[in-house]
Amino acid sequence: MAITLYGISNCDTVKKARAWLVAEGVDHAFHDFKKQGVPPDRLDAWVRAASWEKLLNRQGTTWRRLDPALQAGAGQEAGARALMLQQPSVIRRPVVEWADGKITVGFDRTQWALRAHA
């Protein structure tokens, strides 16, 4: 299995993560949520691996701009999943599917170094 990084190309954290992978010589594919959408089957795998609570970014601008009714609807897994499919910017980034099948959310150089060079 190849490494796939999921995110949004103009996200600063995604930019840092992609630059780190390139600097470390780690071959990877990039999937842009804005251009390619969120694959529902992959979202389900991320929820199983990391939990919907960890995936749902309640700190970002997109979340803060959401109607309170939409925010309230994301209080349970089904509502959060629907919101993440509809508004990919509420997904914490980047999500990485590593060659060993593991999934991580967010950018952590130390954790990534262990995974990328395993």
Protein backbone atom coordinates (compact mmCIF):
# COMPACT_ATOMS: atom_id res chain seq x y z
CA MET A 1 0.00 0.00 0.00
CA ALA A 2 1.31 3.46 -0.90
CA ILE A 3 1.19 6.50 1.39
CA THR A 4 -1.71 8.86 0.71
CA LEU A 5 -2.02 12.28 2.31
CA TYR A 6 -5.52 13.74 2.35
CA GLY A 7 -6.17 17.42 2.90
CA ILE A 8 -6.62 20.80 1.29
CA SER A 9 -3.78 22.23 -0.78
CA ASN A 10 -3.97 25.75 0.66
CA CYS A 11 -3.99 24.57 4.32
CA ASP A 12 -0.78 25.65 6.08
CA THR A 13 -0.50 22.40 8.04
CA VAL A 14 -0.96 20.34 4.88
CA LYS A 15 1.71 22.44 3.16
CA LYS A 16 4.14 21.77 6.04
CA ALA A 17 3.30 18.07 6.03
CA ARG A 18 3.79 17.73 2.28
CA ALA A 19 7.07 19.65 2.45
CA TRP A 20 8.28 17.37 5.25
CA LEU A 21 7.46 14.24 3.23
CA VAL A 22 9.34 15.62 0.22
CA ALA A 23 12.34 16.65 2.37
CA GLU A 24 12.43 13.18 3.89
CA GLY A 25 12.25 11.55 0.46
CA VAL A 26 8.94 9.84 1.23
CA ASP A 27 6.98 8.99 -1.90
CA HIS A 28 3.29 9.75 -1.46
CA ALA A 29 0.10 10.63 -3.26
CA PHE A 30 -1.95 13.72 -2.41
CA HIS A 31 -5.74 13.79 -2.42
CA ASP A 32 -7.24 17.29 -2.28
CA PHE A 33 -10.65 17.35 -0.55
CA LYS A 34 -11.64 20.55 -2.30
CA LYS A 35 -10.96 19.25 -5.79
CA GLN A 36 -11.62 15.52 -5.40
CA GLY A 37 -14.09 15.38 -2.53
CA VAL A 38 -13.98 13.12 0.50
CA PRO A 39 -14.24 9.43 -0.40
CA PRO A 40 -17.06 8.12 1.83
CA ASP A 41 -15.43 4.70 2.27
CA ARG A 42 -12.15 6.32 3.33
CA LEU A 43 -13.98 8.60 5.79
CA ASP A 44 -15.55 5.52 7.35
CA ALA A 45 -12.10 3.92 7.70
CA TRP A 46 -10.74 7.08 9.34
CA VAL A 47 -13.65 7.17 11.78
CA ARG A 48 -12.97 3.54 12.73
CA ALA A 49 -9.25 4.19 13.13
CA ALA A 50 -9.24 7.62 14.78
CA SER A 51 -12.86 8.41 15.83
CA TRP A 52 -15.17 11.02 14.40
CA GLU A 53 -14.47 13.30 17.37
CA LYS A 54 -10.78 13.47 16.48
CA LEU A 55 -11.54 14.04 12.78
CA LEU A 56 -14.04 16.84 13.32
CA ASN A 57 -12.15 20.12 13.65
CA ARG A 58 -14.19 22.33 15.95
CA GLN A 59 -11.39 24.92 16.18
CA GLY A 60 -11.25 26.04 12.56
CA THR A 61 -12.77 28.95 10.74
CA THR A 62 -15.18 26.76 8.78
CA TRP A 63 -16.65 25.35 12.01
CA ARG A 64 -17.01 28.78 13.60
CA ARG A 65 -18.85 30.06 10.52
CA LEU A 66 -21.34 27.19 10.47
CA ASP A 67 -24.94 27.72 11.42
CA PRO A 68 -25.47 26.62 15.05
CA ALA A 69 -28.03 24.05 13.87
CA LEU A 70 -25.38 22.39 11.66
CA GLN A 71 -22.92 22.42 14.55
CA ALA A 72 -25.52 20.83 16.82
CA GLY A 73 -26.27 18.17 14.19
CA ALA A 74 -22.60 17.18 14.24
CA GLY A 75 -22.83 16.16 17.89
CA GLN A 76 -23.27 12.51 16.96
CA GLU A 77 -21.33 10.30 14.55
CA ALA A 78 -23.95 10.22 11.77
CA GLY A 79 -24.36 14.00 11.75
CA ALA A 80 -20.62 14.60 11.95
CA ARG A 81 -20.02 12.18 9.06
CA ALA A 82 -22.63 13.92 6.91
CA LEU A 83 -21.11 17.32 7.70
CA MET A 84 -17.57 16.14 6.89
CA LEU A 85 -18.76 14.85 3.51
CA GLN A 86 -20.61 18.10 2.78
CA GLN A 87 -18.01 20.50 4.23
CA PRO A 88 -14.55 18.86 3.91
CA SER A 89 -12.90 21.88 5.53
CA VAL A 90 -14.18 20.71 8.92
CA ILE A 91 -11.94 17.63 8.76
CA ARG A 92 -8.77 17.95 10.83
CA ARG A 93 -5.82 17.81 8.46
CA PRO A 94 -3.87 16.12 7.18
CA VAL A 95 -5.21 12.59 7.28
CA VAL A 96 -2.55 10.11 6.20
CA GLU A 97 -2.95 6.50 5.22
CA TRP A 98 0.50 4.98 5.76
CA ALA A 99 2.06 2.10 3.85
CA ASP A 100 1.49 -0.19 6.86
CA GLY A 101 -2.26 0.54 6.78
CA LYS A 102 -2.25 2.80 9.83
CA ILE A 103 -4.08 6.12 9.76
CA THR A 104 -2.98 9.34 11.45
CA VAL A 105 -4.72 12.68 11.80
CA GLY A 106 -2.70 15.88 12.05
CA PHE A 107 0.98 16.57 11.52
CA ASP A 108 3.47 15.33 14.11
CA ARG A 109 7.08 15.18 12.87
CA THR A 110 8.17 12.70 15.56
CA GLN A 111 5.30 10.30 14.95
CA TRP A 112 5.66 10.64 11.19
CA ALA A 113 9.40 9.93 11.26
CA LEU A 114 8.69 6.60 12.92
CA ARG A 115 6.03 5.72 10.33
CA ALA A 116 7.72 7.06 7.22
CA HIS A 117 11.00 5.28 7.79
CA ALA A 118 9.63 2.03 9.19
